[in-house]
Amino acid sequence: MKRLLFALATAAGLLSTACGGGSSVQPPPPVGKYSMASLNGQYAFVTNGEVFTSGSNAPVPLARTGVFIADGKGNITGGIEDVNASGTPSNAIAITNGTYIVNADGRGALALNVGQSTLDFGITLTSTSDGLLIDETSNSNQASTGSGNFVLQKAAPFALTDVNGPYVFDFPGLDANNNPESFIGEFTVDNTGAIPTGFFDDNVNGNLTSGGMAPGSIAQDPLQLSTLSSFGRGIANIAGQNFVFYIVDSRRVRFVSTSGGMLSGDAVTQSTNVPTSTSNFNGSFAFVLAGASANGGVTRVGRFTANGATVGNVLGDTNDAGRQHPSTSFSSGTITFDSANPGRGQITFQDTSFPFAFVFYLSSASSGVIQDVTQSGPGVGIVVADGSIELQSGSPFTSANVSGTYAMNWSGLVVAGGSFPIEDEEDLLAQANVSSMTLSGAADLFQFTSATLTPQLDLGVGGVIQINGTDGTSGDGSRNGMTVNLTGANPINFVVYFVNPQLAFFANRDNSGAQRIVVGILKLQQ
């Protein structure tokens, strides 16, 4: 196993040597509905990427989870974060202060002061309650990049009783031996903070295990008691592994591991109407996964239609270490549900060459997490990958409803020189206006190459979206596409699967210019 793609929504940096020539795209002046007052309150944030610290000779994987407080006037008044660098946690780091900027288009910058260092982020608001961000830190102490998001927390004070009931979780990352790991499942928290029951599926370097969880718990951190009430921060033991958590509200909790590797992700409440059998699991679904294969980084994106236990109209695209595998000949797809664990099921898609297999946990009738459990395939080998599955709605998708201002984020790997598996982190964060299926906007682009973090800020963004198929979901075997033009770069071509007019998943489908393996989202600004 080479490398794990940690984030599905991100930001990117690209060396000019990797871009190749291309037409110049100038960013338009910021126009929109946002201001400094749009970022006002206490926000829980996460990022996943890489860090290169002073004295080290190579970047290592990095996950961070925490809280910052914005005053609506450009000032950060406090906060806290927990960091895990390749399995080494640094717990409860105080954010003393900082600053931020929000432009009219929702793009901006965020600076968080921690001790003697400053962490710099690019941000794009998707509403006044949430947004996307990328790590843009480059100073004498560290260089880091990575993608993530931030969500407005409920009003303090927080309490353990805020977390109660069944939750579905997805924690990708690394195990204690730095092997790629995908850990998904469901657990129940009672009103005492105990986790008496749970079920999981774990994929560590291609070794699959699943089963009931040992009892666990959530609790205050005895070394940082006040952080629960102020920031929603506590400690947890889930299936024998230790975590720090941050409460967003009763519906969402963010986690990062503090022992036994580097896992991070969210747990979201599971609704009472979650499908438990094939008889009530019907409709069209889009899915996106990212992770590692025996060859390097891997992405999968696609869609299918469920009709009871049968699966039809399947279309999928895999990028395995730069090898493109578009599939249009799926057949014999099936779905089964686990009657003992609500919302858990399995899907198989039979390609002409080999079957794809996935396990999923639904948090509602329209949303869930999904893990790749495909054991092998031509030139693919073992895959460790996970992501999201979402019910499609709002079709037909046309220029009439796929329109407005969108936040765009992609994350993954790029080859700046040589060939795979020589892979470097790439993150991009943008805001783009979509009008008559054309794109115009601006972006920050970051790339890690060995010990060098290369940013390109305020790049112009242009391009087009091509909608094929009768309903815009690619259900007729035709792929939807998107071409993104960045200042000074060759056009980058993507395959796109719409969830609804407000959200789409995409992954690159060729290696025009630089070779890359990236996956991302297009999300309408509210």
Protein backbone atom coordinates (compact mmCIF):
# COMPACT_ATOMS: atom_id res chain seq x y z
CA MET A 1 0.00 0.00 0.00
CA LYS A 2 1.38 3.34 -0.99
CA ARG A 3 -0.65 6.30 0.09
CA LEU A 4 -4.04 7.22 1.54
CA LEU A 5 -6.15 10.12 0.31
CA PHE A 6 -7.50 11.53 3.57
CA ALA A 7 -9.98 14.20 2.52
CA LEU A 8 -12.82 14.24 0.02
CA ALA A 9 -13.23 18.00 -0.02
CA THR A 10 -10.05 20.02 -0.19
CA ALA A 11 -7.68 22.64 -1.64
CA ALA A 12 -4.63 22.41 -3.89
CA GLY A 13 -1.20 23.78 -4.85
CA LEU A 14 0.49 23.07 -8.15
CA LEU A 15 4.07 23.65 -9.22
CA SER A 16 4.41 25.53 -12.48
CA THR A 17 6.64 22.69 -13.69
CA ALA A 18 3.74 20.29 -13.17
CA CYS A 19 1.08 22.45 -14.77
CA GLY A 20 2.33 22.72 -18.29
CA GLY A 21 1.38 25.57 -20.57
CA GLY A 22 -2.12 26.88 -20.90
CA SER A 23 -4.18 29.95 -21.58
CA SER A 24 -4.28 32.68 -18.97
CA VAL A 25 -7.43 32.90 -16.86
CA GLN A 26 -7.83 36.08 -14.84
CA PRO A 27 -9.86 35.97 -11.60
CA PRO A 28 -12.86 38.30 -11.64
CA PRO A 29 -13.16 40.92 -8.90
CA PRO A 30 -15.03 39.54 -5.84
CA VAL A 31 -18.79 40.01 -6.07
CA GLY A 32 -21.30 38.43 -3.71
CA LYS A 33 -23.34 38.51 -0.53
CA TYR A 34 -20.73 37.83 2.17
CA SER A 35 -18.81 40.11 4.53
CA MET A 36 -16.69 39.91 7.69
CA ALA A 37 -19.93 39.62 9.66
CA SER A 38 -20.74 36.35 7.83
CA LEU A 39 -18.13 34.55 9.97
CA ASN A 40 -19.42 35.13 13.49
CA GLY A 41 -19.50 32.50 16.24
CA GLN A 42 -17.77 29.35 17.37
CA TYR A 43 -16.83 26.88 14.62
CA ALA A 44 -15.59 23.28 14.81
CA PHE A 45 -13.02 22.60 12.07
CA VAL A 46 -11.11 19.62 10.62
CA THR A 47 -8.32 19.24 8.07
CA ASN A 48 -6.33 16.31 6.70
CA GLY A 49 -3.12 16.62 4.74
CA GLU A 50 0.63 16.74 5.29
CA VAL A 51 3.11 18.66 7.45
CA PHE A 52 6.83 19.33 7.15
CA THR A 53 8.29 20.53 10.46
CA SER A 54 11.60 22.27 11.08
CA GLY A 55 14.45 19.74 11.17
CA SER A 56 12.60 16.95 9.35
CA ASN A 57 13.51 15.79 5.86
CA ALA A 58 10.09 14.73 4.55
CA PRO A 59 6.43 15.61 5.12
CA VAL A 60 4.23 13.27 7.17
CA PRO A 61 0.42 12.83 7.26
CA LEU A 62 -1.39 15.34 9.47
CA ALA A 63 -4.91 15.49 10.92
CA ARG A 64 -6.24 18.35 13.01
CA THR A 65 -9.56 18.94 14.74
CA GLY A 66 -10.50 21.93 16.85
CA VAL A 67 -12.52 25.08 17.43
CA PHE A 68 -11.99 28.75 16.57
CA ILE A 69 -14.11 31.72 17.66
CA ALA A 70 -14.76 34.55 15.19
CA ASP A 71 -16.17 37.90 16.35
CA GLY A 72 -17.76 38.98 13.05
CA LYS A 73 -15.25 41.84 12.73
CA GLY A 74 -12.12 40.10 11.50
CA ASN A 75 -10.76 38.89 14.83
CA ILE A 76 -10.27 35.39 16.23
CA THR A 77 -10.76 35.65 19.98
CA GLY A 78 -9.79 32.12 21.04
CA GLY A 79 -10.05 28.42 20.41
CA ILE A 80 -8.34 25.08 20.79
CA GLU A 81 -7.09 22.24 18.56
CA ASP A 82 -5.85 18.64 18.73
CA VAL A 83 -3.29 17.48 16.18
CA ASN A 84 -2.15 14.01 15.14
CA ALA A 85 0.94 13.79 12.91
CA SER A 86 1.42 10.27 11.55
CA GLY A 87 0.25 8.69 14.81
CA THR A 88 1.86 11.18 17.21
CA PRO A 89 -0.81 13.30 18.94
CA SER A 90 -0.33 16.82 20.29
CA ASN A 91 -3.30 17.39 22.54
CA ALA A 92 -5.24 20.49 23.62
CA ILE A 93 -3.25 23.26 21.93
CA ALA A 94 -4.64 26.69 22.78
CA ILE A 95 -5.53 29.08 19.96
CA THR A 96 -4.82 32.40 21.67
CA ASN A 97 -6.06 34.78 18.97
CA GLY A 98 -5.89 35.49 15.26
CA THR A 99 -7.43 37.31 12.34
CA TYR A 100 -9.57 36.59 9.29
CA ILE A 101 -10.81 38.16 6.07
CA VAL A 102 -14.02 37.37 4.19
CA ASN A 103 -14.50 38.82 0.72
CA ALA A 104 -17.86 39.42 -0.93
CA ASP A 105 -17.61 36.10 -2.84
CA GLY A 106 -17.09 34.13 0.38
CA ARG A 107 -13.38 33.54 -0.22
CA GLY A 108 -10.98 34.69 2.43
CA ALA A 109 -8.13 33.90 4.78
CA LEU A 110 -7.91 32.71 8.38
CA ALA A 111 -4.86 33.03 10.67
CA LEU A 112 -4.80 31.17 14.01
CA ASN A 113 -2.07 31.94 16.54
CA VAL A 114 -0.90 28.89 18.51
CA GLY A 115 2.02 29.52 20.88
CA GLN A 116 4.86 31.10 18.91
CA SER A 117 3.50 30.00 15.54
CA THR A 118 0.70 31.02 13.18
CA LEU A 119 -1.45 28.61 11.18
CA ASP A 120 -2.73 30.04 7.90
CA PHE A 121 -5.82 28.80 6.04
CA GLY A 122 -7.70 29.72 2.92
CA ILE A 123 -11.48 29.62 3.36
CA THR A 124 -14.59 29.67 1.18
CA LEU A 125 -17.95 30.07 2.89
CA THR A 126 -20.79 27.82 1.77
CA SER A 127 -23.13 29.66 4.18
CA THR A 128 -22.82 31.63 7.41
CA SER A 129 -22.96 28.27 9.23
CA ASP A 130 -20.27 26.35 7.35
CA GLY A 131 -17.49 26.49 4.82
CA LEU A 132 -14.51 24.76 3.24
CA LEU A 133 -10.89 25.44 4.11
CA ILE A 134 -7.35 24.45 3.19
CA ASP A 135 -4.18 24.61 5.24
CA GLU A 136 -1.79 27.18 3.73
CA THR A 137 0.80 27.35 6.53
CA SER A 138 4.39 28.09 5.53
CA ASN A 139 6.74 29.53 8.16
CA SER A 140 9.99 28.76 9.99
CA ASN A 141 8.27 26.26 12.27
CA GLN A 142 6.33 24.21 9.73
CA ALA A 143 4.91 23.95 6.25
CA SER A 144 1.58 22.18 5.93
CA THR A 145 -1.27 21.69 3.53
CA GLY A 146 -4.54 19.81 3.64
CA SER A 147 -8.25 20.14 3.12
CA GLY A 148 -11.24 20.22 5.41
CA ASN A 149 -14.24 22.21 6.56
CA PHE A 150 -15.72 24.14 9.46
CA VAL A 151 -19.22 24.05 10.96
CA LEU A 152 -20.94 26.44 13.39
CA GLN A 153 -21.28 24.86 16.85
CA LYS A 154 -24.34 25.02 19.09
CA ALA A 155 -24.23 27.64 21.81
CA ALA A 156 -22.06 26.83 24.83
CA PRO A 157 -22.09 25.41 27.46
CA PHE A 158 -21.63 21.87 26.17
CA ALA A 159 -22.33 18.69 28.14
CA LEU A 160 -21.90 14.97 27.64
CA THR A 161 -25.69 14.68 27.45
CA ASP A 162 -25.52 16.52 24.11
CA VAL A 163 -24.30 13.21 22.63
CA ASN A 164 -27.02 10.59 22.95
CA GLY A 165 -28.48 7.86 20.75
CA PRO A 166 -27.28 5.99 17.64
CA TYR A 167 -24.49 7.43 15.47
CA VAL A 168 -22.91 6.43 12.14
CA PHE A 169 -19.19 7.17 11.77
CA ASP A 170 -16.42 7.18 9.16
CA PHE A 171 -12.81 7.41 10.43
CA PRO A 172 -10.19 7.04 7.66
CA GLY A 173 -6.45 7.33 8.25
CA LEU A 174 -3.56 5.17 9.42
CA ASP A 175 -3.21 2.30 11.89
CA ALA A 176 -0.47 2.04 14.54
CA ASN A 177 1.97 0.71 11.90
CA ASN A 178 1.23 3.54 9.44
CA ASN A 179 -0.80 1.24 7.20
CA PRO A 180 -3.82 2.81 5.46
CA GLU A 181 -7.02 2.13 7.40
CA SER A 182 -10.73 2.67 6.80
CA PHE A 183 -12.83 2.31 9.97
CA ILE A 184 -16.61 2.80 9.59
CA GLY A 185 -19.65 1.67 11.55
CA GLU A 186 -22.30 2.65 14.07
CA PHE A 187 -22.46 2.97 17.84
CA THR A 188 -24.99 4.03 20.47
CA VAL A 189 -24.28 6.45 23.33
CA ASP A 190 -26.57 6.29 26.37
CA ASN A 191 -27.41 9.12 28.77
CA THR A 192 -24.47 8.26 31.06
CA GLY A 193 -21.85 8.61 28.32
CA ALA A 194 -21.42 4.85 27.92
CA ILE A 195 -21.18 3.20 24.50
CA PRO A 196 -22.75 -0.19 25.24
CA THR A 197 -23.26 -1.36 21.65
CA GLY A 198 -21.79 -0.87 18.22
CA PHE A 199 -20.81 -2.61 15.01
CA PHE A 200 -17.89 -1.87 12.68
CA ASP A 201 -16.19 -2.70 9.39
CA ASP A 202 -12.43 -2.20 9.35
CA ASN A 203 -10.12 -2.36 6.35
CA VAL A 204 -6.43 -2.21 7.30
CA ASN A 205 -4.08 -2.56 4.35
CA GLY A 206 -6.62 -4.81 2.65
CA ASN A 207 -7.29 -7.00 5.70
CA LEU A 208 -11.04 -6.93 6.34
CA THR A 209 -12.63 -7.42 9.75
CA SER A 210 -16.10 -6.65 11.05
CA GLY A 211 -18.15 -7.34 14.15
CA GLY A 212 -19.57 -6.07 17.39
CA MET A 213 -17.66 -3.45 19.36
CA ALA A 214 -16.32 -3.84 22.86
CA PRO A 215 -18.08 -1.43 25.25
CA GLY A 216 -16.71 2.13 25.14
CA SER A 217 -17.44 5.59 26.47
CA ILE A 218 -17.30 9.36 26.04
CA ALA A 219 -16.11 11.51 28.96
CA GLN A 220 -14.54 14.76 30.09
CA ASP A 221 -10.79 14.95 29.68
CA PRO A 222 -9.47 14.74 33.27
CA LEU A 223 -6.46 16.85 32.27
CA GLN A 224 -8.58 19.51 30.52
CA LEU A 225 -11.91 19.52 32.36
CA SER A 226 -12.97 23.02 31.29
CA THR A 227 -12.64 22.26 27.58
CA LEU A 228 -15.90 20.28 27.53
CA SER A 229 -18.11 23.12 28.71
CA SER A 230 -16.36 25.79 26.63
CA PHE A 231 -15.48 23.99 23.40
CA GLY A 232 -17.41 20.71 23.43
CA ARG A 233 -14.11 18.81 23.73
CA GLY A 234 -13.81 15.46 25.49
CA ILE A 235 -12.23 12.03 25.22
CA ALA A 236 -13.70 8.77 23.93
CA ASN A 237 -12.94 5.09 23.68
CA ILE A 238 -14.48 3.47 20.60
CA ALA A 239 -13.83 -0.20 19.83
CA GLY A 240 -10.75 -0.14 22.06
CA GLN A 241 -9.22 2.97 20.43
CA ASN A 242 -8.78 6.35 22.13
CA PHE A 243 -10.01 9.61 20.60
CA VAL A 244 -10.52 13.29 21.34
CA PHE A 245 -13.92 14.60 20.23
CA TYR A 246 -15.53 17.97 19.58
CA ILE A 247 -19.31 18.36 19.71
CA VAL A 248 -20.80 20.38 16.86
CA ASP A 249 -24.31 19.76 18.16
CA SER A 250 -26.35 16.69 19.11
CA ARG A 251 -26.37 15.60 15.44
CA ARG A 252 -22.63 15.76 14.66
CA VAL A 253 -19.44 15.03 16.62
CA ARG A 254 -15.87 15.33 15.24
CA PHE A 255 -13.11 12.87 16.28
CA VAL A 256 -9.34 12.47 16.00
CA SER A 257 -7.46 9.50 17.46
CA THR A 258 -4.89 9.90 20.25
CA SER A 259 -3.47 6.37 20.32
CA GLY A 260 -2.91 3.51 17.95
CA GLY A 261 -2.51 5.43 14.71
CA MET A 262 -4.08 8.45 13.03
CA LEU A 263 -7.81 8.23 12.40
CA SER A 264 -10.21 11.16 12.14
CA GLY A 265 -13.72 11.91 10.97
CA ASP A 266 -17.30 12.63 11.98
CA ALA A 267 -20.07 10.70 13.67
CA VAL A 268 -23.62 11.77 12.74
CA THR A 269 -26.92 10.75 14.28
CA GLN A 270 -28.81 7.88 12.71
CA SER A 271 -32.49 8.66 12.08
CA THR A 272 -35.34 6.41 13.10
CA ASN A 273 -36.50 6.05 9.47
CA VAL A 274 -33.24 4.56 8.22
CA PRO A 275 -33.87 1.75 5.71
CA THR A 276 -33.42 -1.69 7.20
CA SER A 277 -34.32 -3.87 4.22
CA THR A 278 -34.31 -3.78 0.45
CA SER A 279 -38.06 -3.20 0.40
CA ASN A 280 -37.62 0.40 1.58
CA PHE A 281 -34.31 1.19 -0.15
CA ASN A 282 -35.21 2.58 -3.56
CA GLY A 283 -34.01 5.42 -5.74
CA SER A 284 -30.91 6.71 -7.49
CA PHE A 285 -27.73 7.16 -5.46
CA ALA A 286 -24.37 8.85 -6.11
CA PHE A 287 -21.23 7.74 -4.29
CA VAL A 288 -17.64 8.90 -3.91
CA LEU A 289 -14.67 7.16 -2.25
CA ALA A 290 -10.96 7.88 -1.92
CA GLY A 291 -8.04 6.02 -0.40
CA ALA A 292 -5.10 3.78 -1.25
CA SER A 293 -4.44 0.80 -3.47
CA ALA A 294 -1.46 -1.47 -3.98
CA ASN A 295 -0.38 0.92 -6.75
CA GLY A 296 -0.87 4.24 -4.94
CA GLY A 297 -3.80 6.61 -4.39
CA VAL A 298 -7.22 5.58 -5.65
CA THR A 299 -10.59 7.29 -6.21
CA ARG A 300 -13.98 5.87 -7.14
CA VAL A 301 -17.03 7.91 -8.09
CA GLY A 302 -20.31 6.77 -9.61
CA ARG A 303 -24.04 6.19 -9.33
CA PHE A 304 -26.64 3.42 -9.38
CA THR A 305 -30.39 2.91 -9.14
CA ALA A 306 -31.76 0.64 -6.41
CA ASN A 307 -35.01 -1.21 -6.95
CA GLY A 308 -35.47 -3.57 -4.06
CA ALA A 309 -32.63 -6.08 -4.03
CA THR A 310 -31.55 -5.33 -7.59
CA VAL A 311 -29.19 -2.66 -8.87
CA GLY A 312 -29.36 -1.08 -12.31
CA ASN A 313 -28.13 1.86 -14.36
CA VAL A 314 -24.69 1.59 -12.75
CA LEU A 315 -21.93 3.89 -13.92
CA GLY A 316 -18.55 4.26 -12.24
CA ASP A 317 -15.10 5.74 -12.68
CA THR A 318 -11.92 4.59 -10.95
CA ASN A 319 -8.56 6.35 -10.94
CA ASP A 320 -5.92 3.98 -9.55
CA ALA A 321 -2.51 5.68 -9.41
CA GLY A 322 -3.25 7.47 -12.66
CA ARG A 323 -4.77 4.45 -14.38
CA GLN A 324 -8.27 5.34 -15.60
CA HIS A 325 -10.96 2.66 -15.39
CA PRO A 326 -14.37 3.92 -16.58
CA SER A 327 -17.03 1.22 -16.29
CA THR A 328 -20.20 1.21 -18.37
CA SER A 329 -20.88 -2.53 -18.52
CA PHE A 330 -21.91 -3.31 -14.95
CA SER A 331 -24.44 -6.10 -14.55
CA SER A 332 -25.79 -8.45 -11.88
CA GLY A 333 -25.75 -5.82 -9.17
CA THR A 334 -27.27 -6.77 -5.82
CA ILE A 335 -28.02 -5.18 -2.44
CA THR A 336 -28.43 -6.94 0.90
CA PHE A 337 -29.19 -5.55 4.36
CA ASP A 338 -27.97 -6.71 7.77
CA SER A 339 -31.12 -7.27 9.82
CA ALA A 340 -29.17 -7.23 13.10
CA ASN A 341 -27.59 -3.80 12.51
CA PRO A 342 -29.99 -1.10 11.26
CA GLY A 343 -28.86 0.71 8.14
CA ARG A 344 -25.91 -1.59 7.40
CA GLY A 345 -25.83 -3.25 3.99
CA GLN A 346 -23.68 -4.45 1.12
CA ILE A 347 -23.67 -3.66 -2.61
CA THR A 348 -21.94 -5.51 -5.43
CA PHE A 349 -21.52 -4.37 -9.03
CA GLN A 350 -20.44 -7.02 -11.53
CA ASP A 351 -18.07 -5.60 -14.12
CA THR A 352 -17.13 -7.64 -17.18
CA SER A 353 -13.76 -8.27 -15.55
CA PHE A 354 -14.43 -8.46 -11.82
CA PRO A 355 -16.96 -7.50 -9.12
CA PHE A 356 -16.84 -4.32 -7.10
CA ALA A 357 -18.02 -4.76 -3.50
CA PHE A 358 -18.96 -2.16 -0.89
CA VAL A 359 -20.35 -2.08 2.65
CA PHE A 360 -22.41 0.93 3.77
CA TYR A 361 -24.03 2.38 6.88
CA LEU A 362 -27.02 4.69 6.32
CA SER A 363 -27.55 7.57 8.72
CA SER A 364 -30.87 8.43 7.05
CA ALA A 365 -32.98 7.34 4.11
CA SER A 366 -30.92 9.60 1.87
CA SER A 367 -27.36 9.62 3.24
CA GLY A 368 -24.63 7.39 4.61
CA VAL A 369 -21.00 6.30 4.56
CA ILE A 370 -19.53 3.64 2.27
CA GLN A 371 -16.39 1.49 2.34
CA ASP A 372 -14.70 -0.41 -0.48
CA VAL A 373 -14.31 -4.12 0.33
CA THR A 374 -13.30 -5.16 -3.20
CA GLN A 375 -10.57 -7.75 -2.74
CA SER A 376 -8.88 -7.67 -6.13
CA GLY A 377 -9.17 -6.71 -9.75
CA PRO A 378 -7.12 -6.42 -12.95
CA GLY A 379 -4.10 -4.27 -12.13
CA VAL A 380 -5.81 -2.95 -9.01
CA GLY A 381 -4.96 -5.23 -6.11
CA ILE A 382 -6.12 -4.47 -2.59
CA VAL A 383 -8.00 -1.18 -2.05
CA VAL A 384 -8.52 0.77 1.19
CA ALA A 385 -11.06 3.52 0.52
CA ASP A 386 -14.23 5.06 1.93
CA GLY A 387 -16.52 8.03 1.49
CA SER A 388 -20.14 9.08 1.07
CA ILE A 389 -23.32 7.74 -0.52
CA GLU A 390 -26.19 10.18 -1.20
CA LEU A 391 -29.69 9.95 -2.67
CA GLN A 392 -29.95 11.86 -5.95
CA SER A 393 -32.80 14.37 -6.29
CA GLY A 394 -33.84 17.46 -8.22
CA SER A 395 -33.37 16.18 -11.76
CA PRO A 396 -33.48 16.96 -14.61
CA PHE A 397 -30.20 18.83 -14.12
CA THR A 398 -29.88 21.62 -16.66
CA SER A 399 -28.45 25.11 -16.95
CA ALA A 400 -31.69 26.33 -15.36
CA ASN A 401 -31.06 24.72 -11.97
CA VAL A 402 -27.29 24.06 -11.99
CA SER A 403 -26.62 27.76 -11.67
CA GLY A 404 -25.29 30.24 -9.14
CA THR A 405 -22.16 30.57 -7.04
CA TYR A 406 -20.46 27.39 -5.85
CA ALA A 407 -17.60 26.55 -3.52
CA MET A 408 -15.22 24.05 -5.13
CA ASN A 409 -12.70 21.87 -3.35
CA TRP A 410 -10.48 19.03 -4.50
CA SER A 411 -7.76 17.07 -2.76
CA GLY A 412 -5.45 14.23 -3.63
CA LEU A 413 -2.11 13.47 -5.21
CA VAL A 414 -0.13 14.86 -8.13
CA VAL A 415 3.11 13.87 -9.84
CA ALA A 416 5.36 16.91 -10.11
CA GLY A 417 8.14 14.91 -11.79
CA GLY A 418 8.73 11.27 -12.61
CA SER A 419 5.78 8.94 -12.34
CA PHE A 420 3.54 7.21 -9.81
CA PRO A 421 4.09 6.19 -7.05
CA ILE A 422 6.14 9.42 -6.62
CA GLU A 423 3.14 11.32 -5.31
CA ASP A 424 2.73 14.71 -3.67
CA GLU A 425 -0.19 16.32 -1.85
CA GLU A 426 -2.41 18.61 -3.92
CA ASP A 427 -5.26 20.78 -2.63
CA LEU A 428 -7.46 23.36 -4.32
CA LEU A 429 -10.12 25.67 -2.91
CA ALA A 430 -12.17 27.91 -5.18
CA GLN A 431 -15.33 29.92 -5.63
CA ALA A 432 -16.89 29.75 -9.06
CA ASN A 433 -19.94 31.27 -10.68
CA VAL A 434 -21.82 28.77 -12.85
CA SER A 435 -23.85 30.39 -15.60
CA SER A 436 -25.06 28.61 -18.75
CA MET A 437 -22.75 25.75 -17.69
CA THR A 438 -19.62 27.91 -17.81
CA LEU A 439 -17.32 28.50 -14.81
CA SER A 440 -15.64 31.72 -13.74
CA GLY A 441 -13.99 32.47 -10.43
CA ALA A 442 -10.78 32.31 -8.39
CA ALA A 443 -8.84 29.66 -6.49
CA ASP A 444 -5.93 28.91 -4.16
CA LEU A 445 -3.79 25.98 -5.30
CA PHE A 446 -1.21 24.20 -3.12
CA GLN A 447 1.20 21.38 -3.72
CA PHE A 448 3.69 19.61 -1.44
CA THR A 449 6.80 18.37 -3.22
CA SER A 450 9.16 16.62 -0.79
CA ALA A 451 10.26 19.45 1.53
CA THR A 452 8.70 22.29 -0.44
CA LEU A 453 5.21 23.74 -0.18
CA THR A 454 4.37 25.69 -3.33
CA PRO A 455 1.32 27.95 -3.20
CA GLN A 456 -0.44 29.72 -6.03
CA LEU A 457 -3.00 32.18 -4.68
CA ASP A 458 -5.86 33.94 -6.45
CA LEU A 459 -5.62 31.92 -9.63
CA GLY A 460 -8.23 32.58 -12.25
CA VAL A 461 -10.74 29.73 -12.72
CA GLY A 462 -12.62 29.07 -15.93
CA GLY A 463 -14.17 26.06 -17.61
CA VAL A 464 -17.39 24.33 -18.51
CA ILE A 465 -19.75 21.65 -17.21
CA GLN A 466 -21.06 19.14 -19.76
CA ILE A 467 -24.32 17.42 -18.81
CA ASN A 468 -25.04 14.24 -20.74
CA GLY A 469 -27.87 11.80 -20.29
CA THR A 470 -31.58 12.32 -20.12
CA ASP A 471 -31.78 13.06 -16.40
CA GLY A 472 -28.33 14.48 -15.65
CA THR A 473 -27.42 11.56 -13.40
CA SER A 474 -25.54 9.72 -16.15
CA GLY A 475 -28.06 6.93 -15.77
CA ASP A 476 -28.11 6.26 -19.51
CA GLY A 477 -24.40 5.39 -19.68
CA SER A 478 -23.19 8.85 -20.70
CA ARG A 479 -20.83 10.63 -18.37
CA ASN A 480 -21.25 14.15 -17.13
CA GLY A 481 -18.03 16.12 -17.40
CA MET A 482 -16.33 19.25 -16.13
CA THR A 483 -13.28 21.00 -17.53
CA VAL A 484 -11.43 23.38 -15.20
CA ASN A 485 -9.01 25.96 -16.58
CA LEU A 486 -6.54 27.50 -14.13
CA THR A 487 -4.21 30.39 -14.81
CA GLY A 488 -1.20 29.12 -16.75
CA ALA A 489 -2.22 25.45 -16.63
CA ASN A 490 -3.46 22.89 -19.11
CA PRO A 491 -7.22 22.17 -18.88
CA ILE A 492 -8.05 19.57 -16.22
CA ASN A 493 -10.89 17.19 -17.09
CA PHE A 494 -13.22 15.60 -14.55
CA VAL A 495 -16.15 13.22 -14.45
CA VAL A 496 -19.09 14.64 -12.43
CA TYR A 497 -21.97 12.94 -10.61
CA PHE A 498 -24.71 15.21 -9.34
CA VAL A 499 -26.35 14.54 -5.98
CA ASN A 500 -28.73 17.45 -6.53
CA PRO A 501 -28.48 20.92 -8.12
CA GLN A 502 -26.71 22.13 -4.99
CA LEU A 503 -24.06 19.40 -4.72
CA ALA A 504 -21.90 17.31 -7.05
CA PHE A 505 -19.03 14.83 -6.63
CA PHE A 506 -16.18 14.86 -9.14
CA ALA A 507 -12.86 13.15 -9.88
CA ASN A 508 -10.27 13.75 -12.58
CA ARG A 509 -10.53 11.41 -15.54
CA ASP A 510 -7.38 12.10 -17.53
CA ASN A 511 -3.81 13.23 -16.98
CA SER A 512 -3.73 16.31 -19.18
CA GLY A 513 -0.68 18.24 -17.99
CA ALA A 514 0.27 16.88 -14.59
CA GLN A 515 -0.62 13.34 -13.60
CA ARG A 516 -2.98 13.48 -10.64
CA ILE A 517 -5.47 11.52 -8.53
CA VAL A 518 -7.91 14.01 -7.00
CA VAL A 519 -11.51 13.96 -5.89
CA GLY A 520 -13.75 16.79 -4.75
CA ILE A 521 -17.09 18.49 -4.36
CA LEU A 522 -18.98 21.38 -5.93
CA LYS A 523 -21.33 22.91 -3.34
CA LEU A 524 -23.78 25.78 -3.85
CA GLN A 525 -23.26 28.78 -1.59
CA GLN A 526 -26.30 29.63 0.52
